[in-house]
């Protein structure tokens, strides 16, 4: 799969497109195919190294704290989600990585996408 990563803390370095293996789905995880993400202020601060003492990530690091997408696989103990569910999430620290095609997220950090209704036509 494709992902954008950094290899060191830097304000100037650009994200690099890399090929990595699809994330492992643990017993309590949902694998989400990413349809949308955002550049969170936290991502910029981590990239520049502002939080390296509090959040000592290993490199290469795939940034990204916000995600919306579709569940494509669930772990054996997942009870709240099934394949095909549209979801959004903020993955826990040290499980970030939404600047990619897929991410594996603990089901406790995932929520179903709200259903938006048009009250004038429904």
PDB file of N, CA and C in Angstrom:
ATOM      1  N   UNK A   1       0.840  -1.179   0.000  1.00  0.00           N
ATOM      2  CA  UNK A   1       0.000   0.000   0.000  1.00  0.00           C
ATOM      3  C   UNK A   1       0.878   1.234   0.000  1.00  0.00           C
ATOM      4  N   UNK A   2       0.318   2.347  -0.374  1.00  0.00           N
ATOM      5  CA  UNK A   2       1.033   3.620  -0.420  1.00  0.00           C
ATOM      6  C   UNK A   2       0.750   4.411   0.856  1.00  0.00           C
ATOM      7  N   UNK A   3       1.739   5.187   1.281  1.00  0.00           N
ATOM      8  CA  UNK A   3       1.597   6.054   2.450  1.00  0.00           C
ATOM      9  C   UNK A   3       2.594   7.197   2.323  1.00  0.00           C
ATOM     10  N   UNK A   4       2.303   8.281   3.024  1.00  0.00           N
ATOM     11  CA  UNK A   4       3.236   9.407   3.099  1.00  0.00           C
ATOM     12  C   UNK A   4       3.888   9.380   4.470  1.00  0.00           C
ATOM     13  N   UNK A   5       5.216   9.429   4.493  1.00  0.00           N
ATOM     14  CA  UNK A   5       5.959   9.272   5.735  1.00  0.00           C
ATOM     15  C   UNK A   5       7.069  10.312   5.853  1.00  0.00           C
ATOM     16  N   UNK A   6       7.583  10.437   7.081  1.00  0.00           N
ATOM     17  CA  UNK A   6       8.785  11.231   7.326  1.00  0.00           C
ATOM     18  C   UNK A   6       9.849  10.297   7.881  1.00  0.00           C
ATOM     19  N   UNK A   7      11.104  10.636   7.635  1.00  0.00           N
ATOM     20  CA  UNK A   7      12.217   9.829   8.124  1.00  0.00           C
ATOM     21  C   UNK A   7      12.974  10.475   9.267  1.00  0.00           C
ATOM     22  N   UNK A   8      12.611  11.736   9.588  1.00  0.00           N
ATOM     23  CA  UNK A   8      13.220  12.438  10.713  1.00  0.00           C
ATOM     24  C   UNK A   8      12.361  13.655  11.027  1.00  0.00           C
ATOM     25  N   UNK A   9      12.571  14.216  12.205  1.00  0.00           N
ATOM     26  CA  UNK A   9      11.870  15.444  12.563  1.00  0.00           C
ATOM     27  C   UNK A   9      12.480  16.595  11.774  1.00  0.00           C
ATOM     28  N   UNK A  10      11.632  17.409  11.161  1.00  0.00           N
ATOM     29  CA  UNK A  10      12.108  18.532  10.364  1.00  0.00           C
ATOM     30  C   UNK A  10      10.947  19.439   9.994  1.00  0.00           C
ATOM     31  N   UNK A  11      11.201  20.737  10.003  1.00  0.00           N
ATOM     32  CA  UNK A  11      10.199  21.693   9.527  1.00  0.00           C
ATOM     33  C   UNK A  11      10.247  21.809   8.008  1.00  0.00           C
ATOM     34  N   UNK A  12      11.423  21.559   7.413  1.00  0.00           N
ATOM     35  CA  UNK A  12      11.617  21.777   5.978  1.00  0.00           C
ATOM     36  C   UNK A  12      11.369  20.540   5.118  1.00  0.00           C
ATOM     37  N   UNK A  13      11.732  19.366   5.607  1.00  0.00           N
ATOM     38  CA  UNK A  13      11.595  18.150   4.796  1.00  0.00           C
ATOM     39  C   UNK A  13      10.145  17.920   4.396  1.00  0.00           C
ATOM     40  N   UNK A  14       9.963  17.399   3.179  1.00  0.00           N
ATOM     41  CA  UNK A  14       8.629  17.088   2.686  1.00  0.00           C
ATOM     42  C   UNK A  14       8.288  15.642   3.009  1.00  0.00           C
ATOM     43  N   UNK A  15       7.000  15.348   3.019  1.00  0.00           N
ATOM     44  CA  UNK A  15       6.553  13.965   3.175  1.00  0.00           C
ATOM     45  C   UNK A  15       7.002  13.166   1.960  1.00  0.00           C
ATOM     46  N   UNK A  16       7.354  11.909   2.179  1.00  0.00           N
ATOM     47  CA  UNK A  16       7.795  11.044   1.089  1.00  0.00           C
ATOM     48  C   UNK A  16       6.772   9.939   0.861  1.00  0.00           C
ATOM     49  N   UNK A  17       6.443   9.694  -0.401  1.00  0.00           N
ATOM     50  CA  UNK A  17       5.538   8.609  -0.756  1.00  0.00           C
ATOM     51  C   UNK A  17       6.320   7.300  -0.684  1.00  0.00           C
ATOM     52  N   UNK A  18       5.828   6.345   0.114  1.00  0.00           N
ATOM     53  CA  UNK A  18       6.514   5.068   0.289  1.00  0.00           C
ATOM     54  C   UNK A  18       5.529   3.918   0.071  1.00  0.00           C
ATOM     55  N   UNK A  19       6.073   2.737  -0.161  1.00  0.00           N
ATOM     56  CA  UNK A  19       5.298   1.495  -0.212  1.00  0.00           C
ATOM     57  C   UNK A  19       5.547   0.743   1.083  1.00  0.00           C
ATOM     58  N   UNK A  20       4.470   0.348   1.754  1.00  0.00           N
ATOM     59  CA  UNK A  20       4.589  -0.434   2.985  1.00  0.00           C
ATOM     60  C   UNK A  20       3.554  -1.545   2.953  1.00  0.00           C
ATOM     61  N   UNK A  21       3.687  -2.479   3.858  1.00  0.00           N
ATOM     62  CA  UNK A  21       2.715  -3.562   3.940  1.00  0.00           C
ATOM     63  C   UNK A  21       1.432  -3.059   4.589  1.00  0.00           C
ATOM     64  N   UNK A  22       0.340  -3.714   4.268  1.00  0.00           N
ATOM     65  CA  UNK A  22      -0.939  -3.367   4.875  1.00  0.00           C
ATOM     66  C   UNK A  22      -0.853  -3.603   6.380  1.00  0.00           C
ATOM     67  N   UNK A  23      -1.488  -2.752   7.183  1.00  0.00           N
ATOM     68  CA  UNK A  23      -1.399  -2.902   8.641  1.00  0.00           C
ATOM     69  C   UNK A  23      -1.947  -4.236   9.139  1.00  0.00           C
ATOM     70  N   UNK A  24      -1.388  -4.711  10.232  1.00  0.00           N
ATOM     71  CA  UNK A  24      -1.859  -5.921  10.901  1.00  0.00           C
ATOM     72  C   UNK A  24      -3.147  -5.575  11.643  1.00  0.00           C
ATOM     73  N   UNK A  25      -4.118  -6.469  11.573  1.00  0.00           N
ATOM     74  CA  UNK A  25      -5.389  -6.269  12.274  1.00  0.00           C
ATOM     75  C   UNK A  25      -5.370  -7.141  13.528  1.00  0.00           C
ATOM     76  N   UNK A  26      -5.257  -6.502  14.693  1.00  0.00           N
ATOM     77  CA  UNK A  26      -5.270  -7.226  15.963  1.00  0.00           C
ATOM     78  C   UNK A  26      -6.702  -7.610  16.326  1.00  0.00           C
ATOM     79  N   UNK A  27      -6.860  -8.409  17.375  1.00  0.00           N
ATOM     80  CA  UNK A  27      -8.174  -8.925  17.769  1.00  0.00           C
ATOM     81  C   UNK A  27      -9.220  -7.835  17.975  1.00  0.00           C
ATOM     82  N   UNK A  28      -8.822  -6.672  18.507  1.00  0.00           N
ATOM     83  CA  UNK A  28      -9.757  -5.595  18.826  1.00  0.00           C
ATOM     84  C   UNK A  28      -9.733  -4.462  17.810  1.00  0.00           C
ATOM     85  N   UNK A  29      -9.182  -4.711  16.626  1.00  0.00           N
ATOM     86  CA  UNK A  29      -9.006  -3.657  15.623  1.00  0.00           C
ATOM     87  C   UNK A  29      -9.979  -3.774  14.462  1.00  0.00           C
ATOM     88  N   UNK A  30     -10.215  -2.611  13.845  1.00  0.00           N
ATOM     89  CA  UNK A  30     -10.939  -2.531  12.578  1.00  0.00           C
ATOM     90  C   UNK A  30      -9.959  -1.977  11.552  1.00  0.00           C
ATOM     91  N   UNK A  31      -9.876  -2.624  10.397  1.00  0.00           N
ATOM     92  CA  UNK A  31      -9.054  -2.114   9.305  1.00  0.00           C
ATOM     93  C   UNK A  31      -9.927  -1.173   8.491  1.00  0.00           C
ATOM     94  N   UNK A  32      -9.460   0.074   8.344  1.00  0.00           N
ATOM     95  CA  UNK A  32     -10.240   1.100   7.658  1.00  0.00           C
ATOM     96  C   UNK A  32      -9.542   1.492   6.369  1.00  0.00           C
ATOM     97  N   UNK A  33     -10.288   1.396   5.259  1.00  0.00           N
ATOM     98  CA  UNK A  33      -9.808   1.942   3.988  1.00  0.00           C
ATOM     99  C   UNK A  33     -10.079   3.440   4.065  1.00  0.00           C
ATOM    100  N   UNK A  34      -9.027   4.218   3.932  1.00  0.00           N
ATOM    101  CA  UNK A  34      -9.126   5.654   4.154  1.00  0.00           C
ATOM    102  C   UNK A  34      -9.703   6.353   2.927  1.00  0.00           C
ATOM    103  N   UNK A  35     -10.779   7.095   3.162  1.00  0.00           N
ATOM    104  CA  UNK A  35     -11.400   7.894   2.111  1.00  0.00           C
ATOM    105  C   UNK A  35     -11.079   9.368   2.285  1.00  0.00           C
ATOM    106  N   UNK A  36     -10.845   9.808   3.534  1.00  0.00           N
ATOM    107  CA  UNK A  36     -10.516  11.212   3.795  1.00  0.00           C
ATOM    108  C   UNK A  36      -9.670  11.321   5.053  1.00  0.00           C
ATOM    109  N   UNK A  37      -8.776  12.300   5.034  1.00  0.00           N
ATOM    110  CA  UNK A  37      -7.963  12.614   6.195  1.00  0.00           C
ATOM    111  C   UNK A  37      -7.762  14.116   6.209  1.00  0.00           C
ATOM    112  N   UNK A  38      -7.075  14.622   7.197  1.00  0.00           N
ATOM    113  CA  UNK A  38      -6.785  16.052   7.245  1.00  0.00           C
ATOM    114  C   UNK A  38      -5.399  16.260   7.834  1.00  0.00           C
ATOM    115  N   UNK A  39      -4.886  17.446   7.632  1.00  0.00           N
ATOM    116  CA  UNK A  39      -3.616  17.805   8.268  1.00  0.00           C
ATOM    117  C   UNK A  39      -3.969  18.530   9.554  1.00  0.00           C
ATOM    118  N   UNK A  40      -3.851  17.809  10.634  1.00  0.00           N
ATOM    119  CA  UNK A  40      -4.154  18.305  11.959  1.00  0.00           C
ATOM    120  C   UNK A  40      -2.965  19.136  12.453  1.00  0.00           C
ATOM    121  N   UNK A  41      -3.211  20.145  13.262  1.00  0.00           N
ATOM    122  CA  UNK A  41      -2.124  20.949  13.830  1.00  0.00           C
ATOM    123  C   UNK A  41      -1.134  20.067  14.586  1.00  0.00           C
ATOM    124  N   UNK A  42      -1.630  19.021  15.199  1.00  0.00           N
ATOM    125  CA  UNK A  42      -0.771  18.081  15.920  1.00  0.00           C
ATOM    126  C   UNK A  42       0.218  17.397  14.971  1.00  0.00           C
ATOM    127  N   UNK A  43      -0.214  17.086  13.748  1.00  0.00           N
ATOM    128  CA  UNK A  43       0.683  16.473  12.766  1.00  0.00           C
ATOM    129  C   UNK A  43       1.855  17.403  12.435  1.00  0.00           C
ATOM    130  N   UNK A  44       1.570  18.675  12.256  1.00  0.00           N
ATOM    131  CA  UNK A  44       2.626  19.644  11.952  1.00  0.00           C
ATOM    132  C   UNK A  44       3.620  19.758  13.103  1.00  0.00           C
ATOM    133  N   UNK A  45       3.119  19.749  14.309  1.00  0.00           N
ATOM    134  CA  UNK A  45       4.002  19.859  15.478  1.00  0.00           C
ATOM    135  C   UNK A  45       4.848  18.596  15.668  1.00  0.00           C
ATOM    136  N   UNK A  46       4.256  17.431  15.435  1.00  0.00           N
ATOM    137  CA  UNK A  46       5.035  16.192  15.531  1.00  0.00           C
ATOM    138  C   UNK A  46       6.099  16.163  14.448  1.00  0.00           C
ATOM    139  N   UNK A  47       5.730  16.537  13.216  1.00  0.00           N
ATOM    140  CA  UNK A  47       6.684  16.542  12.100  1.00  0.00           C
ATOM    141  C   UNK A  47       7.898  17.418  12.406  1.00  0.00           C
ATOM    142  N   UNK A  48       7.673  18.561  13.026  1.00  0.00           N
ATOM    143  CA  UNK A  48       8.777  19.475  13.316  1.00  0.00           C
ATOM    144  C   UNK A  48       9.572  19.083  14.552  1.00  0.00           C
ATOM    145  N   UNK A  49       9.082  18.094  15.310  1.00  0.00           N
ATOM    146  CA  UNK A  49       9.811  17.613  16.478  1.00  0.00           C
ATOM    147  C   UNK A  49       9.413  18.276  17.780  1.00  0.00           C
ATOM    148  N   UNK A  50       8.349  19.062  17.773  1.00  0.00           N
ATOM    149  CA  UNK A  50       7.944  19.783  18.982  1.00  0.00           C
ATOM    150  C   UNK A  50       7.512  18.857  20.117  1.00  0.00           C
ATOM    151  N   UNK A  51       7.076  17.635  19.796  1.00  0.00           N
ATOM    152  CA  UNK A  51       6.613  16.709  20.827  1.00  0.00           C
ATOM    153  C   UNK A  51       7.500  15.474  20.952  1.00  0.00           C
ATOM    154  N   UNK A  52       8.730  15.547  20.436  1.00  0.00           N
ATOM    155  CA  UNK A  52       9.561  14.333  20.402  1.00  0.00           C
ATOM    156  C   UNK A  52       9.905  13.794  21.787  1.00  0.00           C
ATOM    157  N   UNK A  53       9.913  14.639  22.812  1.00  0.00           N
ATOM    158  CA  UNK A  53      10.170  14.131  24.157  1.00  0.00           C
ATOM    159  C   UNK A  53       8.933  13.480  24.766  1.00  0.00           C
ATOM    160  N   UNK A  54       7.747  13.978  24.432  1.00  0.00           N
ATOM    161  CA  UNK A  54       6.502  13.414  24.949  1.00  0.00           C
ATOM    162  C   UNK A  54       6.011  12.226  24.128  1.00  0.00           C
ATOM    163  N   UNK A  55       6.217  12.296  22.816  1.00  0.00           N
ATOM    164  CA  UNK A  55       5.757  11.255  21.899  1.00  0.00           C
ATOM    165  C   UNK A  55       6.935  10.794  21.039  1.00  0.00           C
ATOM    166  N   UNK A  56       7.794   9.945  21.581  1.00  0.00           N
ATOM    167  CA  UNK A  56       8.994   9.511  20.845  1.00  0.00           C
ATOM    168  C   UNK A  56       8.677   8.438  19.793  1.00  0.00           C
ATOM    169  N   UNK A  57       8.231   8.881  18.630  1.00  0.00           N
ATOM    170  CA  UNK A  57       7.880   7.959  17.550  1.00  0.00           C
ATOM    171  C   UNK A  57       9.121   7.387  16.886  1.00  0.00           C
ATOM    172  N   UNK A  58       8.950   6.212  16.276  1.00  0.00           N
ATOM    173  CA  UNK A  58      10.008   5.573  15.493  1.00  0.00           C
ATOM    174  C   UNK A  58       9.813   5.933  14.027  1.00  0.00           C
ATOM    175  N   UNK A  59      10.902   5.953  13.294  1.00  0.00           N
ATOM    176  CA  UNK A  59      10.863   6.305  11.868  1.00  0.00           C
ATOM    177  C   UNK A  59      11.077   5.063  11.017  1.00  0.00           C
ATOM    178  N   UNK A  60      10.552   5.044   9.789  1.00  0.00           N
ATOM    179  CA  UNK A  60       9.731   6.074   9.172  1.00  0.00           C
ATOM    180  C   UNK A  60       8.387   6.169   9.887  1.00  0.00           C
ATOM    181  N   UNK A  61       7.853   7.390   9.940  1.00  0.00           N
ATOM    182  CA  UNK A  61       6.610   7.666  10.638  1.00  0.00           C
ATOM    183  C   UNK A  61       5.558   8.147   9.653  1.00  0.00           C
ATOM    184  N   UNK A  62       4.415   7.487   9.682  1.00  0.00           N
ATOM    185  CA  UNK A  62       3.265   7.934   8.895  1.00  0.00           C
ATOM    186  C   UNK A  62       2.425   8.805   9.818  1.00  0.00           C
ATOM    187  N   UNK A  63       2.309  10.066   9.466  1.00  0.00           N
ATOM    188  CA  UNK A  63       1.521  11.003  10.259  1.00  0.00           C
ATOM    189  C   UNK A  63       0.041  10.820   9.946  1.00  0.00           C
ATOM    190  N   UNK A  64      -0.786  11.559  10.652  1.00  0.00           N
ATOM    191  CA  UNK A  64      -2.222  11.570  10.392  1.00  0.00           C
ATOM    192  C   UNK A  64      -3.011  11.133  11.600  1.00  0.00           C
ATOM    193  N   UNK A  65      -3.838  12.059  12.111  1.00  0.00           N
ATOM    194  CA  UNK A  65      -4.631  11.816  13.317  1.00  0.00           C
ATOM    195  C   UNK A  65      -6.137  11.763  13.066  1.00  0.00           C
ATOM    196  N   UNK A  66      -6.576  12.130  11.878  1.00  0.00           N
ATOM    197  CA  UNK A  66      -8.006  12.188  11.580  1.00  0.00           C
ATOM    198  C   UNK A  66      -8.305  11.327  10.360  1.00  0.00           C
ATOM    199  N   UNK A  67      -9.421  10.605  10.411  1.00  0.00           N
ATOM    200  CA  UNK A  67      -9.734   9.701   9.299  1.00  0.00           C
ATOM    201  C   UNK A  67     -11.232   9.486   9.166  1.00  0.00           C
ATOM    202  N   UNK A  68     -11.647   9.323   7.921  1.00  0.00           N
ATOM    203  CA  UNK A  68     -12.987   8.845   7.598  1.00  0.00           C
ATOM    204  C   UNK A  68     -12.806   7.794   6.508  1.00  0.00           C
ATOM    205  N   UNK A  69     -13.577   6.725   6.601  1.00  0.00           N
ATOM    206  CA  UNK A  69     -13.433   5.671   5.604  1.00  0.00           C
ATOM    207  C   UNK A  69     -14.410   4.539   5.827  1.00  0.00           C
ATOM    208  N   UNK A  70     -14.066   3.370   5.277  1.00  0.00           N
ATOM    209  CA  UNK A  70     -14.932   2.196   5.315  1.00  0.00           C
ATOM    210  C   UNK A  70     -14.166   1.024   5.927  1.00  0.00           C
ATOM    211  N   UNK A  71     -14.818   0.309   6.820  1.00  0.00           N
ATOM    212  CA  UNK A  71     -14.227  -0.873   7.444  1.00  0.00           C
ATOM    213  C   UNK A  71     -14.134  -1.988   6.403  1.00  0.00           C
ATOM    214  N   UNK A  72     -12.926  -2.541   6.234  1.00  0.00           N
ATOM    215  CA  UNK A  72     -12.726  -3.618   5.268  1.00  0.00           C
ATOM    216  C   UNK A  72     -12.427  -4.967   5.928  1.00  0.00           C
ATOM    217  N   UNK A  73     -12.110  -4.928   7.231  1.00  0.00           N
ATOM    218  CA  UNK A  73     -11.803  -6.158   7.960  1.00  0.00           C
ATOM    219  C   UNK A  73     -11.918  -5.845   9.447  1.00  0.00           C
ATOM    220  N   UNK A  74     -12.313  -6.853  10.237  1.00  0.00           N
ATOM    221  CA  UNK A  74     -12.386  -6.662  11.684  1.00  0.00           C
ATOM    222  C   UNK A  74     -11.668  -7.809  12.392  1.00  0.00           C
ATOM    223  N   UNK A  75     -11.120  -7.499  13.566  1.00  0.00           N
ATOM    224  CA  UNK A  75     -10.476  -8.511  14.390  1.00  0.00           C
ATOM    225  C   UNK A  75     -11.496  -9.439  15.022  1.00  0.00           C
ATOM    226  N   UNK A  76     -11.026 -10.547  15.545  1.00  0.00           N
ATOM    227  CA  UNK A  76     -11.912 -11.596  16.061  1.00  0.00           C
ATOM    228  C   UNK A  76     -12.750 -11.164  17.265  1.00  0.00           C
ATOM    229  N   UNK A  77     -12.327 -10.136  18.000  1.00  0.00           N
ATOM    230  CA  UNK A  77     -13.073  -9.689  19.189  1.00  0.00           C
ATOM    231  C   UNK A  77     -13.865  -8.399  18.947  1.00  0.00           C
ATOM    232  N   UNK A  78     -13.881  -7.901  17.738  1.00  0.00           N
ATOM    233  CA  UNK A  78     -14.618  -6.675  17.430  1.00  0.00           C
ATOM    234  C   UNK A  78     -16.104  -6.986  17.385  1.00  0.00           C
ATOM    235  N   UNK A  79     -16.895  -6.195  18.119  1.00  0.00           N
ATOM    236  CA  UNK A  79     -18.338  -6.436  18.170  1.00  0.00           C
ATOM    237  C   UNK A  79     -19.165  -5.254  17.654  1.00  0.00           C
ATOM    238  N   UNK A  80     -18.574  -4.074  17.560  1.00  0.00           N
ATOM    239  CA  UNK A  80     -19.344  -2.878  17.208  1.00  0.00           C
ATOM    240  C   UNK A  80     -19.347  -2.546  15.723  1.00  0.00           C
ATOM    241  N   UNK A  81     -18.485  -3.198  14.935  1.00  0.00           N
ATOM    242  CA  UNK A  81     -18.354  -2.850  13.522  1.00  0.00           C
ATOM    243  C   UNK A  81     -18.304  -4.104  12.659  1.00  0.00           C
ATOM    244  N   UNK A  82     -18.683  -3.911  11.387  1.00  0.00           N
ATOM    245  CA  UNK A  82     -18.614  -5.008  10.418  1.00  0.00           C
ATOM    246  C   UNK A  82     -18.071  -4.442   9.112  1.00  0.00           C
ATOM    247  N   UNK A  83     -17.692  -5.330   8.232  1.00  0.00           N
ATOM    248  CA  UNK A  83     -17.196  -4.904   6.921  1.00  0.00           C
ATOM    249  C   UNK A  83     -18.257  -4.048   6.237  1.00  0.00           C
ATOM    250  N   UNK A  84     -17.826  -2.959   5.620  1.00  0.00           N
ATOM    251  CA  UNK A  84     -18.740  -2.073   4.910  1.00  0.00           C
ATOM    252  C   UNK A  84     -19.229  -0.891   5.721  1.00  0.00           C
ATOM    253  N   UNK A  85     -19.034  -0.897   7.035  1.00  0.00           N
ATOM    254  CA  UNK A  85     -19.457   0.237   7.852  1.00  0.00           C
ATOM    255  C   UNK A  85     -18.658   1.485   7.490  1.00  0.00           C
ATOM    256  N   UNK A  86     -19.357   2.603   7.345  1.00  0.00           N
ATOM    257  CA  UNK A  86     -18.704   3.891   7.128  1.00  0.00           C
ATOM    258  C   UNK A  86     -18.413   4.485   8.501  1.00  0.00           C
ATOM    259  N   UNK A  87     -17.145   4.868   8.721  1.00  0.00           N
ATOM    260  CA  UNK A  87     -16.702   5.279  10.046  1.00  0.00           C
ATOM    261  C   UNK A  87     -15.827   6.530   9.983  1.00  0.00           C
ATOM    262  N   UNK A  88     -15.606   7.108  11.175  1.00  0.00           N
ATOM    263  CA  UNK A  88     -14.590   8.141  11.336  1.00  0.00           C
ATOM    264  C   UNK A  88     -13.876   7.874  12.645  1.00  0.00           C
ATOM    265  N   UNK A  89     -12.665   8.451  12.796  1.00  0.00           N
ATOM    266  CA  UNK A  89     -11.880   8.134  13.986  1.00  0.00           C
ATOM    267  C   UNK A  89     -10.766   9.145  14.207  1.00  0.00           C
ATOM    268  N   UNK A  90     -10.274   9.102  15.437  1.00  0.00           N
ATOM    269  CA  UNK A  90      -9.031   9.763  15.818  1.00  0.00           C
ATOM    270  C   UNK A  90      -8.219   8.659  16.495  1.00  0.00           C
ATOM    271  N   UNK A  91      -7.295   8.013  15.737  1.00  0.00           N
ATOM    272  CA  UNK A  91      -6.512   6.916  16.322  1.00  0.00           C
ATOM    273  C   UNK A  91      -5.710   7.374  17.538  1.00  0.00           C
ATOM    274  N   UNK A  92      -5.475   6.456  18.449  1.00  0.00           N
ATOM    275  CA  UNK A  92      -4.704   6.744  19.661  1.00  0.00           C
ATOM    276  C   UNK A  92      -3.249   7.063  19.313  1.00  0.00           C
ATOM    277  N   UNK A  93      -2.599   7.787  20.216  1.00  0.00           N
ATOM    278  CA  UNK A  93      -1.167   8.059  20.050  1.00  0.00           C
ATOM    279  C   UNK A  93      -0.427   6.728  19.879  1.00  0.00           C
ATOM    280  N   UNK A  94       0.600   6.750  19.071  1.00  0.00           N
ATOM    281  CA  UNK A  94       1.420   5.591  18.705  1.00  0.00           C
ATOM    282  C   UNK A  94       0.675   4.607  17.814  1.00  0.00           C
ATOM    283  N   UNK A  95      -0.553   4.944  17.388  1.00  0.00           N
ATOM    284  CA  UNK A  95      -1.298   4.154  16.407  1.00  0.00           C
ATOM    285  C   UNK A  95      -1.735   5.041  15.245  1.00  0.00           C
ATOM    286  N   UNK A  96      -1.168   6.259  15.167  1.00  0.00           N
ATOM    287  CA  UNK A  96      -1.552   7.194  14.110  1.00  0.00           C
ATOM    288  C   UNK A  96      -1.076   6.665  12.763  1.00  0.00           C
ATOM    289  N   UNK A  97      -1.458   7.361  11.695  1.00  0.00           N
ATOM    290  CA  UNK A  97      -0.988   6.942  10.384  1.00  0.00           C
ATOM    291  C   UNK A  97      -2.059   7.038   9.316  1.00  0.00           C
ATOM    292  N   UNK A  98      -2.831   8.115   9.325  1.00  0.00           N
ATOM    293  CA  UNK A  98      -3.932   8.234   8.371  1.00  0.00           C
ATOM    294  C   UNK A  98      -3.513   8.797   7.019  1.00  0.00           C
ATOM    295  N   UNK A  99      -2.241   9.130   6.844  1.00  0.00           N
ATOM    296  CA  UNK A  99      -1.765   9.572   5.527  1.00  0.00           C
ATOM    297  C   UNK A  99      -1.357   8.338   4.728  1.00  0.00           C
ATOM    298  N   UNK A 100      -2.308   7.420   4.592  1.00  0.00           N
ATOM    299  CA  UNK A 100      -2.063   6.125   3.947  1.00  0.00           C
ATOM    300  C   UNK A 100      -3.365   5.621   3.329  1.00  0.00           C
ATOM    301  N   UNK A 101      -3.284   4.471   2.696  1.00  0.00           N
ATOM    302  CA  UNK A 101      -4.482   3.880   2.097  1.00  0.00           C
ATOM    303  C   UNK A 101      -5.340   3.140   3.122  1.00  0.00           C
ATOM    304  N   UNK A 102      -4.694   2.568   4.147  1.00  0.00           N
ATOM    305  CA  UNK A 102      -5.389   1.804   5.180  1.00  0.00           C
ATOM    306  C   UNK A 102      -4.765   2.095   6.529  1.00  0.00           C
ATOM    307  N   UNK A 103      -5.574   1.928   7.580  1.00  0.00           N
ATOM    308  CA  UNK A 103      -5.066   2.006   8.950  1.00  0.00           C
ATOM    309  C   UNK A 103      -5.850   1.021   9.808  1.00  0.00           C
ATOM    310  N   UNK A 104      -5.170   0.390  10.732  1.00  0.00           N
ATOM    311  CA  UNK A 104      -5.795  -0.511  11.690  1.00  0.00           C
ATOM    312  C   UNK A 104      -5.968   0.260  12.995  1.00  0.00           C
ATOM    313  N   UNK A 105      -7.228   0.325  13.491  1.00  0.00           N
ATOM    314  CA  UNK A 105      -7.550   1.157  14.647  1.00  0.00           C
ATOM    315  C   UNK A 105      -8.316   0.326  15.670  1.00  0.00           C
ATOM    316  N   UNK A 106      -8.013   0.509  16.946  1.00  0.00           N
ATOM    317  CA  UNK A 106      -8.768  -0.153  18.001  1.00  0.00           C
ATOM    318  C   UNK A 106     -10.226   0.274  17.904  1.00  0.00           C
ATOM    319  N   UNK A 107     -11.148  -0.670  18.033  1.00  0.00           N
ATOM    320  CA  UNK A 107     -12.562  -0.354  17.855  1.00  0.00           C
ATOM    321  C   UNK A 107     -13.060   0.709  18.836  1.00  0.00           C
ATOM    322  N   UNK A 108     -12.405   0.872  19.980  1.00  0.00           N
ATOM    323  CA  UNK A 108     -12.810   1.898  20.944  1.00  0.00           C
ATOM    324  C   UNK A 108     -12.523   3.313  20.452  1.00  0.00           C
ATOM    325  N   UNK A 109     -11.694   3.447  19.433  1.00  0.00           N
ATOM    326  CA  UNK A 109     -11.339   4.761  18.892  1.00  0.00           C
ATOM    327  C   UNK A 109     -12.096   5.079  17.604  1.00  0.00           C
ATOM    328  N   UNK A 110     -13.055   4.240  17.241  1.00  0.00           N
ATOM    329  CA  UNK A 110     -13.786   4.380  15.976  1.00  0.00           C
ATOM    330  C   UNK A 110     -15.260   4.646  16.271  1.00  0.00           C
ATOM    331  N   UNK A 111     -15.908   5.435  15.393  1.00  0.00           N
ATOM    332  CA  UNK A 111     -17.347   5.694  15.510  1.00  0.00           C
ATOM    333  C   UNK A 111     -17.992   5.568  14.139  1.00  0.00           C
ATOM    334  N   UNK A 112     -19.252   5.151  14.135  1.00  0.00           N
ATOM    335  CA  UNK A 112     -20.003   5.104  12.884  1.00  0.00           C
ATOM    336  C   UNK A 112     -20.223   6.522  12.367  1.00  0.00           C
ATOM    337  N   UNK A 113     -20.167   6.664  11.056  1.00  0.00           N
ATOM    338  CA  UNK A 113     -20.430   7.954  10.429  1.00  0.00           C
ATOM    339  C   UNK A 113     -21.889   8.308  10.664  1.00  0.00           C
ATOM    340  N   UNK A 114     -22.162   9.533  11.087  1.00  0.00           N
ATOM    341  CA  UNK A 114     -23.567   9.918  11.295  1.00  0.00           C
ATOM    342  C   UNK A 114     -24.347   9.899   9.979  1.00  0.00           C
ATOM    343  N   UNK A 115     -25.606   9.591  10.066  1.00  0.00           N
ATOM    344  CA  UNK A 115     -26.483   9.637   8.904  1.00  0.00           C
ATOM    345  C   UNK A 115     -27.011  11.066   8.804  1.00  0.00           C
ATOM    346  N   UNK A 116     -26.783  11.687   7.681  1.00  0.00           N
ATOM    347  CA  UNK A 116     -27.243  13.052   7.471  1.00  0.00           C
ATOM    348  C   UNK A 116     -28.565  13.000   6.717  1.00  0.00           C
ATOM    349  N   UNK A 117     -29.566  13.631   7.269  1.00  0.00           N
ATOM    350  CA  UNK A 117     -30.893  13.644   6.652  1.00  0.00           C
ATOM    351  C   UNK A 117     -31.233  15.057   6.208  1.00  0.00           C
ATOM    352  N   UNK A 118     -31.926  15.133   5.105  1.00  0.00           N
ATOM    353  CA  UNK A 118     -32.450  16.402   4.632  1.00  0.00           C
ATOM    354  C   UNK A 118     -33.891  16.485   5.145  1.00  0.00           C
ATOM    355  N   UNK A 119     -34.094  17.280   6.158  1.00  0.00           N
ATOM    356  CA  UNK A 119     -35.413  17.334   6.819  1.00  0.00           C
ATOM    357  C   UNK A 119     -36.485  17.937   5.906  1.00  0.00           C
ATOM    358  N   UNK A 120     -36.082  18.583   4.822  1.00  0.00           N
ATOM    359  CA  UNK A 120     -37.057  19.166   3.910  1.00  0.00           C
ATOM    360  C   UNK A 120     -37.586  18.157   2.897  1.00  0.00           C
ATOM    361  N   UNK A 121     -36.819  17.099   2.636  1.00  0.00           N
ATOM    362  CA  UNK A 121     -37.238  16.119   1.618  1.00  0.00           C
ATOM    363  C   UNK A 121     -37.510  14.735   2.188  1.00  0.00           C
ATOM    364  N   UNK A 122     -37.039  14.437   3.398  1.00  0.00           N
ATOM    365  CA  UNK A 122     -37.255  13.097   3.990  1.00  0.00           C
ATOM    366  C   UNK A 122     -38.589  12.983   4.674  1.00  0.00           C
TER     367      UNK A 122
END
